Amino acid sequence: MEKKLTAEQVRELIGQEGSYTRYVTVIDAKQAENGEVNVRVRDSIGKVYWTGLDNIDLYR
């Protein structure tokens, strides 16, 4: 017999904003006519997505 887990909602956290960090590897990059650069990245958990170059900090 499995034990059913119960959890209570923590209402004081709902609506708060914050940030989290993931390490990414750039796997593609494109520059639009207006000069904006978008990069395709793979994050540390394997998710692949496009984001603006200004949204990430790259190690040089």
Protein backbone atom coordinates (compact mmCIF):
# COMPACT_ATOMS: atom_id res chain seq x y z
CA MET A 1 0.00 0.00 0.00
CA GLU A 2 1.41 3.37 -1.06
CA LYS A 3 1.37 6.25 1.37
CA LYS A 4 -0.44 9.25 -0.13
CA LEU A 5 1.50 12.48 0.19
CA THR A 6 -0.35 15.58 1.26
CA ALA A 7 0.79 19.16 0.88
CA GLU A 8 -0.53 22.51 1.91
CA GLN A 9 -0.40 25.59 -0.31
CA VAL A 10 1.95 28.33 0.92
CA ARG A 11 -0.17 31.33 0.02
CA GLU A 12 2.33 34.02 1.04
CA LEU A 13 4.64 32.89 -1.78
CA ILE A 14 2.01 33.09 -4.54
CA GLY A 15 2.71 36.04 -6.85
CA GLN A 16 6.26 36.69 -5.63
CA GLU A 17 8.92 37.05 -8.29
CA GLY A 18 12.52 35.91 -8.40
CA SER A 19 15.11 34.30 -10.62
CA TYR A 20 17.05 31.09 -10.95
CA THR A 21 20.28 30.23 -12.72
CA ARG A 22 20.94 27.51 -15.25
CA TYR A 23 24.10 26.92 -17.18
CA VAL A 24 23.57 27.05 -20.93
CA THR A 25 25.48 26.18 -24.07
CA VAL A 26 24.83 28.23 -27.20
CA ILE A 27 23.95 25.88 -30.07
CA ASP A 28 22.81 28.45 -32.68
CA ALA A 29 22.70 32.23 -33.06
CA LYS A 30 20.92 34.57 -35.48
CA GLN A 31 21.08 38.32 -35.96
CA ALA A 32 18.02 40.18 -37.26
CA GLU A 33 18.17 43.10 -39.68
CA ASN A 34 17.63 45.46 -36.75
CA GLY A 35 20.80 44.13 -35.07
CA GLU A 36 19.04 42.10 -32.37
CA VAL A 37 20.79 38.79 -31.65
CA ASN A 38 18.86 35.69 -30.58
CA VAL A 39 20.59 32.54 -29.41
CA ARG A 40 19.39 28.97 -29.23
CA VAL A 41 20.64 27.35 -26.05
CA ARG A 42 20.61 23.99 -24.32
CA ASP A 43 20.36 24.35 -20.55
CA SER A 44 21.82 22.19 -17.80
CA ILE A 45 18.74 19.94 -17.71
CA GLY A 46 18.63 19.41 -21.49
CA LYS A 47 15.89 21.89 -22.41
CA VAL A 48 16.50 23.68 -25.74
CA TYR A 49 15.05 27.12 -26.42
CA TRP A 50 15.62 30.50 -28.09
CA THR A 51 16.32 33.60 -26.02
CA GLY A 52 17.71 37.06 -26.54
CA LEU A 53 21.46 37.51 -26.20
CA ASP A 54 20.76 40.18 -23.59
CA ASN A 55 19.06 37.55 -21.37
CA ILE A 56 22.21 35.49 -20.80
CA ASP A 57 25.73 36.15 -19.52
CA LEU A 58 28.39 34.41 -21.57
CA TYR A 59 31.84 33.49 -20.24
CA ARG A 60 34.58 34.86 -22.43
